[in-house]
Amino acid sequence: MNRRDCLAAMTALAVTQAAAAQTAPRDIPRIAGPDPDTRRPNFVMPRGAVDSHTHIFGPQTLFPFAETRPYTPPEAPLAAFAALHGKLGIDRAVIVNATVHGTDARVVADAIARSGGRYLGIVNINDSFDAKQLAALNEQGMRGCRFTFVGHLGGPANLDVLNRAIPKIAPLGWHVDLYLEPQMIPVMAPMLANLPVRYVIDHMGLPNAAEGLDQPNFVALLKLLREDEKAWVKISGPERASRAGPPFADAVPFARALIDTAPDRVIWGSDWPHPNVKFMPNDGDLVDLIPHYAPDPAVRQKLLVDNPVRLFGFV
């Protein structure tokens, strides 16, 4: 598929999502917060383990939510985040600035500054960001930028904005983080393969666990991982893939298939505090899925430590 066909397909999706948005209530929906009673997991994280996908929300008195946000979550501030990782045995983290904070990355920068080198970040950007601003964000510990192509978060990102961002971020060594509707993976695959920078697909590409490993969108993701050394994927969001509910065992085959396909380009993330999920997980249960994803300790070391250190540049 050429770029024109890719744009046409994305435009069609945007029209569908926009029509749905016009019929939705104007009030910003409120969503549930995380399970407050985190269970201490049985699985012991290796030293230096990285949670490669997590969020911090607020406090709003310091870091207000964007007026254009697609949802309103309960606050999930740095103190709660640090306490969670203490219980789970996680040493380091990558904080992804969620859509509720828009392009304001102060909540992420603050957490990084307080972490003693244990946290890095991913930001949301648009065309207003110039080279000087991006360099400043890099100095603050940001290591990539995120683009969202998901309808319930406001519709697909502008592909032209993404393409214009590439020359700006490439000199910094940043990668592109992509949150995609699963049907966009085969549509965007040719364009992604031609990117000059690394890119990371969030949440295992959002497969539907009930449709099996041979569903076309997931097959397209596996193909992309096999054929493009720039392609990475996050082993996160089993509660988003699952149709059976906790403990999300039906998502395990998808994680294993991705890890088996590209063991050097997979990273794990909790996705705490789990915004917009059907089944709210207990983070202790999510950690205990890890040895089912990767039974080999050497592969788990890659997933949890070696790969994220290499991708994000932890020192």
C-alpha atoms as a PDB file:
ATOM      1  CA  MET A   1       0.000   0.000   0.000  1.00  0.00           C
ATOM      2  CA  ASN A   2       1.453   3.366  -0.995  1.00  0.00           C
ATOM      3  CA  ARG A   3       1.282   6.551   1.071  1.00  0.00           C
ATOM      4  CA  ARG A   4      -1.779   7.830  -0.838  1.00  0.00           C
ATOM      5  CA  ASP A   5      -3.695   4.628  -0.095  1.00  0.00           C
ATOM      6  CA  CYS A   6      -2.566   4.791   3.545  1.00  0.00           C
ATOM      7  CA  LEU A   7      -3.844   8.354   3.853  1.00  0.00           C
ATOM      8  CA  ALA A   8      -7.136   7.404   2.187  1.00  0.00           C
ATOM      9  CA  ALA A   9      -7.674   4.518   4.581  1.00  0.00           C
ATOM     10  CA  MET A  10      -6.887   6.669   7.581  1.00  0.00           C
ATOM     11  CA  THR A  11      -9.184   9.422   6.343  1.00  0.00           C
ATOM     12  CA  ALA A  12     -12.026   6.925   6.047  1.00  0.00           C
ATOM     13  CA  LEU A  13     -11.400   5.783   9.615  1.00  0.00           C
ATOM     14  CA  ALA A  14     -11.300   9.393  10.803  1.00  0.00           C
ATOM     15  CA  VAL A  15     -14.668  10.119   9.176  1.00  0.00           C
ATOM     16  CA  THR A  16     -16.223   7.107  10.897  1.00  0.00           C
ATOM     17  CA  GLN A  17     -14.791   8.083  14.269  1.00  0.00           C
ATOM     18  CA  ALA A  18     -15.798  11.719  13.859  1.00  0.00           C
ATOM     19  CA  ALA A  19     -19.380  10.696  13.094  1.00  0.00           C
ATOM     20  CA  ALA A  20     -19.430   8.576  16.236  1.00  0.00           C
ATOM     21  CA  ALA A  21     -18.018  11.460  18.274  1.00  0.00           C
ATOM     22  CA  GLN A  22     -20.805  13.776  17.077  1.00  0.00           C
ATOM     23  CA  THR A  23     -23.403  11.481  18.592  1.00  0.00           C
ATOM     24  CA  ALA A  24     -21.536  11.116  21.895  1.00  0.00           C
ATOM     25  CA  PRO A  25     -22.396  13.179  24.973  1.00  0.00           C
ATOM     26  CA  ARG A  26     -20.536  16.462  25.252  1.00  0.00           C
ATOM     27  CA  ASP A  27     -19.676  15.883  28.916  1.00  0.00           C
ATOM     28  CA  ILE A  28     -16.168  14.558  29.531  1.00  0.00           C
ATOM     29  CA  PRO A  29     -16.612  11.014  30.861  1.00  0.00           C
ATOM     30  CA  ARG A  30     -15.110  10.048  34.196  1.00  0.00           C
ATOM     31  CA  ILE A  31     -13.281   6.751  34.389  1.00  0.00           C
ATOM     32  CA  ALA A  32     -12.388   4.358  37.190  1.00  0.00           C
ATOM     33  CA  GLY A  33      -9.114   4.452  39.049  1.00  0.00           C
ATOM     34  CA  PRO A  34      -6.735   1.543  39.680  1.00  0.00           C
ATOM     35  CA  ASP A  35      -7.274  -1.248  42.194  1.00  0.00           C
ATOM     36  CA  PRO A  36      -6.157   0.344  45.479  1.00  0.00           C
ATOM     37  CA  ASP A  37      -5.274  -2.991  47.103  1.00  0.00           C
ATOM     38  CA  THR A  38      -2.267  -4.096  45.048  1.00  0.00           C
ATOM     39  CA  ARG A  39      -1.347  -7.692  45.749  1.00  0.00           C
ATOM     40  CA  ARG A  40       2.336  -8.410  46.272  1.00  0.00           C
ATOM     41  CA  PRO A  41       3.221 -10.681  43.329  1.00  0.00           C
ATOM     42  CA  ASN A  42       4.780 -14.105  43.590  1.00  0.00           C
ATOM     43  CA  PHE A  43       7.127 -13.418  40.693  1.00  0.00           C
ATOM     44  CA  VAL A  44      10.281 -11.588  41.764  1.00  0.00           C
ATOM     45  CA  MET A  45      11.416  -8.927  39.338  1.00  0.00           C
ATOM     46  CA  PRO A  46      15.085  -9.010  38.294  1.00  0.00           C
ATOM     47  CA  ARG A  47      17.335  -6.246  39.526  1.00  0.00           C
ATOM     48  CA  GLY A  48      17.019  -3.152  37.358  1.00  0.00           C
ATOM     49  CA  ALA A  49      13.582  -4.096  35.998  1.00  0.00           C
ATOM     50  CA  VAL A  50      11.874  -1.391  33.922  1.00  0.00           C
ATOM     51  CA  ASP A  51       8.159  -0.668  33.710  1.00  0.00           C
ATOM     52  CA  SER A  52       8.203   0.645  30.141  1.00  0.00           C
ATOM     53  CA  HIS A  53       4.653   1.991  29.985  1.00  0.00           C
ATOM     54  CA  THR A  54       3.019   3.778  32.879  1.00  0.00           C
ATOM     55  CA  HIS A  55       1.290   7.091  33.578  1.00  0.00           C
ATOM     56  CA  ILE A  56       1.021   9.747  36.276  1.00  0.00           C
ATOM     57  CA  PHE A  57      -2.151  11.851  36.611  1.00  0.00           C
ATOM     58  CA  GLY A  58      -1.932  15.077  38.572  1.00  0.00           C
ATOM     59  CA  PRO A  59      -2.237  16.301  41.223  1.00  0.00           C
ATOM     60  CA  GLN A  60      -4.328  18.816  39.338  1.00  0.00           C
ATOM     61  CA  THR A  61      -3.326  21.644  41.658  1.00  0.00           C
ATOM     62  CA  LEU A  62       0.180  21.337  40.209  1.00  0.00           C
ATOM     63  CA  PHE A  63      -0.406  19.613  36.869  1.00  0.00           C
ATOM     64  CA  PRO A  64      -3.919  20.382  35.613  1.00  0.00           C
ATOM     65  CA  PHE A  65      -5.646  18.181  33.092  1.00  0.00           C
ATOM     66  CA  ALA A  66      -6.046  19.535  29.564  1.00  0.00           C
ATOM     67  CA  GLU A  67      -9.408  21.138  28.811  1.00  0.00           C
ATOM     68  CA  THR A  68      -9.593  19.092  25.607  1.00  0.00           C
ATOM     69  CA  ARG A  69      -8.974  15.767  27.362  1.00  0.00           C
ATOM     70  CA  PRO A  70     -11.118  12.816  26.208  1.00  0.00           C
ATOM     71  CA  TYR A  71     -11.750  11.548  29.759  1.00  0.00           C
ATOM     72  CA  THR A  72     -11.240  12.530  33.395  1.00  0.00           C
ATOM     73  CA  PRO A  73      -9.427  10.007  35.587  1.00  0.00           C
ATOM     74  CA  PRO A  74      -8.983  10.024  39.342  1.00  0.00           C
ATOM     75  CA  GLU A  75      -5.635  11.476  40.301  1.00  0.00           C
ATOM     76  CA  ALA A  76      -2.780   8.969  40.275  1.00  0.00           C
ATOM     77  CA  PRO A  77       0.157  11.052  41.502  1.00  0.00           C
ATOM     78  CA  LEU A  78       3.840  10.326  41.879  1.00  0.00           C
ATOM     79  CA  ALA A  79       3.600   9.151  45.497  1.00  0.00           C
ATOM     80  CA  ALA A  80       1.057   6.447  44.619  1.00  0.00           C
ATOM     81  CA  PHE A  81       3.102   5.470  41.563  1.00  0.00           C
ATOM     82  CA  ALA A  82       6.288   5.082  43.623  1.00  0.00           C
ATOM     83  CA  ALA A  83       4.481   3.066  46.304  1.00  0.00           C
ATOM     84  CA  LEU A  84       3.097   0.711  43.660  1.00  0.00           C
ATOM     85  CA  HIS A  85       6.530   0.064  42.187  1.00  0.00           C
ATOM     86  CA  GLY A  86       7.929  -0.520  45.646  1.00  0.00           C
ATOM     87  CA  LYS A  87       5.412  -3.287  46.238  1.00  0.00           C
ATOM     88  CA  LEU A  88       5.949  -4.799  42.770  1.00  0.00           C
ATOM     89  CA  GLY A  89       9.757  -4.723  43.003  1.00  0.00           C
ATOM     90  CA  ILE A  90      10.238  -2.460  39.962  1.00  0.00           C
ATOM     91  CA  ASP A  91      13.365  -0.290  39.958  1.00  0.00           C
ATOM     92  CA  ARG A  92      12.919   1.927  36.878  1.00  0.00           C
ATOM     93  CA  ALA A  93      10.133   3.282  34.695  1.00  0.00           C
ATOM     94  CA  VAL A  94       9.196   5.075  31.507  1.00  0.00           C
ATOM     95  CA  ILE A  95       6.354   7.506  32.092  1.00  0.00           C
ATOM     96  CA  VAL A  96       4.161   8.028  29.043  1.00  0.00           C
ATOM     97  CA  ASN A  97       2.387  11.381  29.089  1.00  0.00           C
ATOM     98  CA  ALA A  98      -1.257  10.450  28.628  1.00  0.00           C
ATOM     99  CA  THR A  99      -3.837  12.391  26.639  1.00  0.00           C
ATOM    100  CA  VAL A 100      -5.372  13.840  29.818  1.00  0.00           C
ATOM    101  CA  HIS A 101      -2.337  16.131  30.118  1.00  0.00           C
ATOM    102  CA  GLY A 102      -2.208  16.927  26.398  1.00  0.00           C
ATOM    103  CA  THR A 103       1.173  18.234  25.250  1.00  0.00           C
ATOM    104  CA  ASP A 104       2.019  19.612  28.715  1.00  0.00           C
ATOM    105  CA  ALA A 105       4.837  17.325  29.884  1.00  0.00           C
ATOM    106  CA  ARG A 106       5.507  18.978  33.248  1.00  0.00           C
ATOM    107  CA  VAL A 107       4.025  16.075  35.217  1.00  0.00           C
ATOM    108  CA  VAL A 108       6.495  13.707  33.535  1.00  0.00           C
ATOM    109  CA  ALA A 109       9.463  16.065  33.830  1.00  0.00           C
ATOM    110  CA  ASP A 110       8.785  16.549  37.540  1.00  0.00           C
ATOM    111  CA  ALA A 111       8.742  12.796  38.197  1.00  0.00           C
ATOM    112  CA  ILE A 112      11.956  12.296  36.224  1.00  0.00           C
ATOM    113  CA  ALA A 113      13.692  15.115  38.103  1.00  0.00           C
ATOM    114  CA  ARG A 114      12.782  13.508  41.430  1.00  0.00           C
ATOM    115  CA  SER A 115      13.811   9.985  40.424  1.00  0.00           C
ATOM    116  CA  GLY A 116      17.591  10.091  40.630  1.00  0.00           C
ATOM    117  CA  GLY A 117      17.901   8.727  37.104  1.00  0.00           C
ATOM    118  CA  ARG A 118      15.395   5.921  37.540  1.00  0.00           C
ATOM    119  CA  TYR A 119      12.678   7.403  35.296  1.00  0.00           C
ATOM    120  CA  LEU A 120      12.553   8.537  31.676  1.00  0.00           C
ATOM    121  CA  GLY A 121       9.614   9.787  29.639  1.00  0.00           C
ATOM    122  CA  ILE A 122       7.587   9.830  26.424  1.00  0.00           C
ATOM    123  CA  VAL A 123       5.796  13.026  25.371  1.00  0.00           C
ATOM    124  CA  ASN A 124       2.947  14.138  23.134  1.00  0.00           C
ATOM    125  CA  ILE A 125       3.971  16.720  20.542  1.00  0.00           C
ATOM    126  CA  ASN A 126       2.480  18.650  17.648  1.00  0.00           C
ATOM    127  CA  ASP A 127       3.711  20.981  14.922  1.00  0.00           C
ATOM    128  CA  SER A 128       4.292  23.802  17.403  1.00  0.00           C
ATOM    129  CA  PHE A 129       7.337  22.050  18.883  1.00  0.00           C
ATOM    130  CA  ASP A 130      10.591  23.297  17.405  1.00  0.00           C
ATOM    131  CA  ALA A 131      14.105  21.871  17.644  1.00  0.00           C
ATOM    132  CA  LYS A 132      14.981  23.989  20.680  1.00  0.00           C
ATOM    133  CA  GLN A 133      11.924  22.833  22.635  1.00  0.00           C
ATOM    134  CA  LEU A 134      12.560  19.194  21.751  1.00  0.00           C
ATOM    135  CA  ALA A 135      16.201  19.500  22.808  1.00  0.00           C
ATOM    136  CA  ALA A 136      15.044  20.902  26.154  1.00  0.00           C
ATOM    137  CA  LEU A 137      12.663  17.960  26.595  1.00  0.00           C
ATOM    138  CA  ASN A 138      15.496  15.589  25.785  1.00  0.00           C
ATOM    139  CA  GLU A 139      17.592  17.215  28.519  1.00  0.00           C
ATOM    140  CA  GLN A 140      14.687  16.655  30.909  1.00  0.00           C
ATOM    141  CA  GLY A 141      14.751  12.915  30.185  1.00  0.00           C
ATOM    142  CA  MET A 142      12.264  12.457  27.361  1.00  0.00           C
ATOM    143  CA  ARG A 143      13.215   9.715  24.919  1.00  0.00           C
ATOM    144  CA  GLY A 144      10.372   9.539  22.408  1.00  0.00           C
ATOM    145  CA  CYS A 145       7.075  11.005  21.266  1.00  0.00           C
ATOM    146  CA  ARG A 146       3.668   9.364  21.160  1.00  0.00           C
ATOM    147  CA  PHE A 147       0.960   9.514  18.512  1.00  0.00           C
ATOM    148  CA  THR A 148      -2.490   8.068  19.151  1.00  0.00           C
ATOM    149  CA  PHE A 149      -4.653   6.523  16.416  1.00  0.00           C
ATOM    150  CA  VAL A 150      -7.510   5.397  18.679  1.00  0.00           C
ATOM    151  CA  GLY A 151     -11.078   6.586  18.288  1.00  0.00           C
ATOM    152  CA  HIS A 152     -12.125   6.856  21.937  1.00  0.00           C
ATOM    153  CA  LEU A 153      -9.154   9.152  22.613  1.00  0.00           C
ATOM    154  CA  GLY A 154     -10.265  11.746  20.098  1.00  0.00           C
ATOM    155  CA  GLY A 155      -9.722  10.075  16.757  1.00  0.00           C
ATOM    156  CA  PRO A 156      -6.623   9.287  14.764  1.00  0.00           C
ATOM    157  CA  ALA A 157      -3.572  11.494  14.927  1.00  0.00           C
ATOM    158  CA  ASN A 158      -2.610  13.484  11.877  1.00  0.00           C
ATOM    159  CA  LEU A 159      -0.241  11.408   9.780  1.00  0.00           C
ATOM    160  CA  ASP A 160       1.312  14.537   8.288  1.00  0.00           C
ATOM    161  CA  VAL A 161       2.131  15.820  11.782  1.00  0.00           C
ATOM    162  CA  LEU A 162       3.816  12.504  12.542  1.00  0.00           C
ATOM    163  CA  ASN A 163       5.854  12.666   9.341  1.00  0.00           C
ATOM    164  CA  ARG A 164       6.875  16.255  10.010  1.00  0.00           C
ATOM    165  CA  ALA A 165       8.012  15.277  13.487  1.00  0.00           C
ATOM    166  CA  ILE A 166      10.446  12.630  12.251  1.00  0.00           C
ATOM    167  CA  PRO A 167      13.221  15.006  11.045  1.00  0.00           C
ATOM    168  CA  LYS A 168      12.955  16.894  14.338  1.00  0.00           C
ATOM    169  CA  ILE A 169      13.278  13.870  16.624  1.00  0.00           C
ATOM    170  CA  ALA A 170      15.763  11.802  14.605  1.00  0.00           C
ATOM    171  CA  PRO A 171      18.841  13.852  15.668  1.00  0.00           C
ATOM    172  CA  LEU A 172      17.889  13.241  19.307  1.00  0.00           C
ATOM    173  CA  GLY A 173      17.799   9.472  18.849  1.00  0.00           C
ATOM    174  CA  TRP A 174      14.126   9.417  19.837  1.00  0.00           C
ATOM    175  CA  HIS A 175      11.672   6.754  18.735  1.00  0.00           C
ATOM    176  CA  VAL A 176       7.970   7.055  17.864  1.00  0.00           C
ATOM    177  CA  ASP A 177       5.472   5.448  20.226  1.00  0.00           C
ATOM    178  CA  LEU A 178       2.242   4.432  18.464  1.00  0.00           C
ATOM    179  CA  TYR A 179      -1.112   3.612  20.010  1.00  0.00           C
ATOM    180  CA  LEU A 180      -3.042   2.080  17.107  1.00  0.00           C
ATOM    181  CA  GLU A 181      -6.454   0.666  16.425  1.00  0.00           C
ATOM    182  CA  PRO A 182      -5.623  -2.925  15.394  1.00  0.00           C
ATOM    183  CA  GLN A 183      -7.069  -2.485  11.900  1.00  0.00           C
ATOM    184  CA  MET A 184      -4.548   0.298  11.279  1.00  0.00           C
ATOM    185  CA  ILE A 185      -1.554  -2.031  11.610  1.00  0.00           C
ATOM    186  CA  PRO A 186      -1.787  -3.582   8.114  1.00  0.00           C
ATOM    187  CA  VAL A 187      -2.780  -0.182   6.680  1.00  0.00           C
ATOM    188  CA  MET A 188       0.208   1.624   8.175  1.00  0.00           C
ATOM    189  CA  ALA A 189       2.758  -1.197   7.928  1.00  0.00           C
ATOM    190  CA  PRO A 190       4.358  -0.027   4.634  1.00  0.00           C
ATOM    191  CA  MET A 191       4.713   3.516   5.933  1.00  0.00           C
ATOM    192  CA  LEU A 192       6.123   2.322   9.254  1.00  0.00           C
ATOM    193  CA  ALA A 193       8.677   0.114   7.533  1.00  0.00           C
ATOM    194  CA  ASN A 194       9.972   3.199   5.700  1.00  0.00           C
ATOM    195  CA  LEU A 195      10.413   5.320   8.820  1.00  0.00           C
ATOM    196  CA  PRO A 196      14.062   6.281   9.465  1.00  0.00           C
ATOM    197  CA  VAL A 197      13.613   5.916  13.248  1.00  0.00           C
ATOM    198  CA  ARG A 198      12.590   3.119  15.583  1.00  0.00           C
ATOM    199  CA  TYR A 199       8.912   2.815  16.478  1.00  0.00           C
ATOM    200  CA  VAL A 200       7.088   1.013  19.279  1.00  0.00           C
ATOM    201  CA  ILE A 201       3.561  -0.437  19.071  1.00  0.00           C
ATOM    202  CA  ASP A 202       1.609  -0.094  22.328  1.00  0.00           C
ATOM    203  CA  HIS A 203      -0.339  -2.831  24.097  1.00  0.00           C
ATOM    204  CA  MET A 204       0.510  -5.750  21.789  1.00  0.00           C
ATOM    205  CA  GLY A 205      -1.396  -4.044  18.970  1.00  0.00           C
ATOM    206  CA  LEU A 206      -4.711  -4.423  20.870  1.00  0.00           C
ATOM    207  CA  PRO A 207      -5.596  -7.935  19.658  1.00  0.00           C
ATOM    208  CA  ASN A 208      -8.952  -9.481  20.456  1.00  0.00           C
ATOM    209  CA  ALA A 209      -8.065 -12.617  22.401  1.00  0.00           C
ATOM    210  CA  ALA A 210     -11.303 -14.306  21.350  1.00  0.00           C
ATOM    211  CA  GLU A 211     -10.274 -14.191  17.675  1.00  0.00           C
ATOM    212  CA  GLY A 212      -7.117 -16.264  18.020  1.00  0.00           C
ATOM    213  CA  LEU A 213      -3.540 -15.841  16.882  1.00  0.00           C
ATOM    214  CA  ASP A 214      -4.417 -15.978  13.197  1.00  0.00           C
ATOM    215  CA  GLN A 215      -6.544 -12.789  13.195  1.00  0.00           C
ATOM    216  CA  PRO A 216      -5.283 -10.685  10.267  1.00  0.00           C
ATOM    217  CA  ASN A 217      -4.291  -7.598  12.226  1.00  0.00           C
ATOM    218  CA  PHE A 218      -2.168  -9.583  14.663  1.00  0.00           C
ATOM    219  CA  VAL A 219      -0.615 -11.568  11.828  1.00  0.00           C
ATOM    220  CA  ALA A 220       0.314  -8.229  10.225  1.00  0.00           C
ATOM    221  CA  LEU A 221       2.001  -7.134  13.451  1.00  0.00           C
ATOM    222  CA  LEU A 222       4.031 -10.341  13.653  1.00  0.00           C
ATOM    223  CA  LYS A 223       5.082  -9.867  10.035  1.00  0.00           C
ATOM    224  CA  LEU A 224       6.178  -6.301  10.742  1.00  0.00           C
ATOM    225  CA  LEU A 225       8.270  -7.488  13.703  1.00  0.00           C
ATOM    226  CA  ARG A 226       9.897 -10.223  11.637  1.00  0.00           C
ATOM    227  CA  GLU A 227      10.760  -8.014   8.681  1.00  0.00           C
ATOM    228  CA  ASP A 228      11.621  -4.626  10.188  1.00  0.00           C
ATOM    229  CA  GLU A 229      14.449  -4.305  12.720  1.00  0.00           C
ATOM    230  CA  LYS A 230      13.121  -0.861  13.692  1.00  0.00           C
ATOM    231  CA  ALA A 231       9.835  -2.327  14.961  1.00  0.00           C
ATOM    232  CA  TRP A 232       9.346  -2.860  18.702  1.00  0.00           C
ATOM    233  CA  VAL A 233       6.265  -3.819  20.701  1.00  0.00           C
ATOM    234  CA  LYS A 234       5.104  -3.405  24.283  1.00  0.00           C
ATOM    235  CA  ILE A 235       3.960  -6.491  26.133  1.00  0.00           C
ATOM    236  CA  SER A 236       1.309  -4.589  28.038  1.00  0.00           C
ATOM    237  CA  GLY A 237      -2.443  -4.307  28.305  1.00  0.00           C
ATOM    238  CA  PRO A 238      -3.489  -7.968  28.683  1.00  0.00           C
ATOM    239  CA  GLU A 239      -6.701  -6.624  30.234  1.00  0.00           C
ATOM    240  CA  ARG A 240      -7.346  -4.799  26.947  1.00  0.00           C
ATOM    241  CA  ALA A 241      -6.821  -7.930  24.850  1.00  0.00           C
ATOM    242  CA  SER A 242      -8.645 -10.323  27.166  1.00  0.00           C
ATOM    243  CA  ARG A 243     -12.246 -11.313  26.637  1.00  0.00           C
ATOM    244  CA  ALA A 244     -12.294 -13.777  29.543  1.00  0.00           C
ATOM    245  CA  GLY A 245     -11.382 -11.294  32.254  1.00  0.00           C
ATOM    246  CA  PRO A 246      -8.997 -11.734  35.216  1.00  0.00           C
ATOM    247  CA  PRO A 247      -6.424 -13.232  35.427  1.00  0.00           C
ATOM    248  CA  PHE A 248      -6.237 -12.580  31.644  1.00  0.00           C
ATOM    249  CA  ALA A 249      -4.775 -15.952  30.710  1.00  0.00           C
ATOM    250  CA  ASP A 250      -6.339 -15.714  27.260  1.00  0.00           C
ATOM    251  CA  ALA A 251      -3.911 -12.850  26.461  1.00  0.00           C
ATOM    252  CA  VAL A 252      -0.805 -14.935  27.236  1.00  0.00           C
ATOM    253  CA  PRO A 253      -0.522 -16.637  23.784  1.00  0.00           C
ATOM    254  CA  PHE A 254      -0.365 -13.230  22.093  1.00  0.00           C
ATOM    255  CA  ALA A 255       2.429 -12.032  24.353  1.00  0.00           C
ATOM    256  CA  ARG A 256       4.353 -15.266  23.805  1.00  0.00           C
ATOM    257  CA  ALA A 257       3.971 -15.043  20.029  1.00  0.00           C
ATOM    258  CA  LEU A 258       5.341 -11.497  20.021  1.00  0.00           C
ATOM    259  CA  ILE A 259       8.231 -12.382  22.317  1.00  0.00           C
ATOM    260  CA  ASP A 260       9.104 -15.472  20.277  1.00  0.00           C
ATOM    261  CA  THR A 261       9.071 -13.402  17.075  1.00  0.00           C
ATOM    262  CA  ALA A 262      11.340 -10.590  18.271  1.00  0.00           C
ATOM    263  CA  PRO A 263      12.862 -11.360  21.691  1.00  0.00           C
ATOM    264  CA  ASP A 264      15.331  -8.471  21.358  1.00  0.00           C
ATOM    265  CA  ARG A 265      12.616  -5.880  20.555  1.00  0.00           C
ATOM    266  CA  VAL A 266       9.956  -6.462  23.197  1.00  0.00           C
ATOM    267  CA  ILE A 267       9.477  -4.474  26.410  1.00  0.00           C
ATOM    268  CA  TRP A 268       7.055  -4.897  29.298  1.00  0.00           C
ATOM    269  CA  GLY A 269       4.784  -2.268  30.816  1.00  0.00           C
ATOM    270  CA  SER A 270       2.133  -2.240  33.529  1.00  0.00           C
ATOM    271  CA  ASP A 271      -0.002   0.558  31.993  1.00  0.00           C
ATOM    272  CA  TRP A 272      -0.837   1.737  35.522  1.00  0.00           C
ATOM    273  CA  PRO A 273      -3.290   3.297  36.414  1.00  0.00           C
ATOM    274  CA  HIS A 274      -5.065   1.488  33.553  1.00  0.00           C
ATOM    275  CA  PRO A 275      -7.250   4.181  31.979  1.00  0.00           C
ATOM    276  CA  ASN A 276     -10.305   3.140  29.969  1.00  0.00           C
ATOM    277  CA  VAL A 277     -10.287  -0.608  30.577  1.00  0.00           C
ATOM    278  CA  LYS A 278     -13.215  -2.998  30.738  1.00  0.00           C
ATOM    279  CA  PHE A 279     -11.603  -5.156  33.422  1.00  0.00           C
ATOM    280  CA  MET A 280      -9.620  -3.260  36.071  1.00  0.00           C
ATOM    281  CA  PRO A 281      -6.606  -5.459  36.862  1.00  0.00           C
ATOM    282  CA  ASN A 282      -4.683  -5.911  40.059  1.00  0.00           C
ATOM    283  CA  ASP A 283      -1.085  -5.024  39.263  1.00  0.00           C
ATOM    284  CA  GLY A 284       0.203  -7.964  41.295  1.00  0.00           C
ATOM    285  CA  ASP A 285      -1.686 -10.273  38.945  1.00  0.00           C
ATOM    286  CA  LEU A 286      -0.163  -8.521  35.915  1.00  0.00           C
ATOM    287  CA  VAL A 287       3.356  -9.080  37.240  1.00  0.00           C
ATOM    288  CA  ASP A 288       2.581 -12.752  37.840  1.00  0.00           C
ATOM    289  CA  LEU A 289       1.750 -13.135  34.144  1.00  0.00           C
ATOM    290  CA  ILE A 290       5.361 -12.345  33.180  1.00  0.00           C
ATOM    291  CA  PRO A 291       6.798 -15.868  33.673  1.00  0.00           C
ATOM    292  CA  HIS A 292       3.912 -17.197  31.570  1.00  0.00           C
ATOM    293  CA  TYR A 293       4.833 -14.751  28.797  1.00  0.00           C
ATOM    294  CA  ALA A 294       8.518 -15.647  28.980  1.00  0.00           C
ATOM    295  CA  PRO A 295       9.273 -18.945  30.775  1.00  0.00           C
ATOM    296  CA  ASP A 296      12.997 -18.672  29.955  1.00  0.00           C
ATOM    297  CA  PRO A 297      14.802 -16.477  32.545  1.00  0.00           C
ATOM    298  CA  ALA A 298      17.209 -15.237  29.884  1.00  0.00           C
ATOM    299  CA  VAL A 299      14.309 -13.994  27.763  1.00  0.00           C
ATOM    300  CA  ARG A 300      12.702 -12.377  30.821  1.00  0.00           C
ATOM    301  CA  GLN A 301      15.968 -10.528  31.433  1.00  0.00           C
ATOM    302  CA  LYS A 302      15.732  -9.116  27.909  1.00  0.00           C
ATOM    303  CA  LEU A 303      12.063  -8.200  28.271  1.00  0.00           C
ATOM    304  CA  LEU A 304      12.394  -6.487  31.642  1.00  0.00           C
ATOM    305  CA  VAL A 305      15.942  -5.110  31.688  1.00  0.00           C
ATOM    306  CA  ASP A 306      18.205  -5.407  28.658  1.00  0.00           C
ATOM    307  CA  ASN A 307      15.780  -4.342  25.926  1.00  0.00           C
ATOM    308  CA  PRO A 308      14.347  -1.243  27.651  1.00  0.00           C
ATOM    309  CA  VAL A 309      17.825  -0.140  28.718  1.00  0.00           C
ATOM    310  CA  ARG A 310      18.921  -0.328  25.094  1.00  0.00           C
ATOM    311  CA  LEU A 311      15.828   1.374  23.681  1.00  0.00           C
ATOM    312  CA  PHE A 312      15.488   4.207  26.174  1.00  0.00           C
ATOM    313  CA  GLY A 313      19.145   4.671  27.106  1.00  0.00           C
ATOM    314  CA  PHE A 314      19.025   4.126  30.857  1.00  0.00           C
ATOM    315  CA  VAL A 315      22.452   4.462  32.480  1.00  0.00           C
END
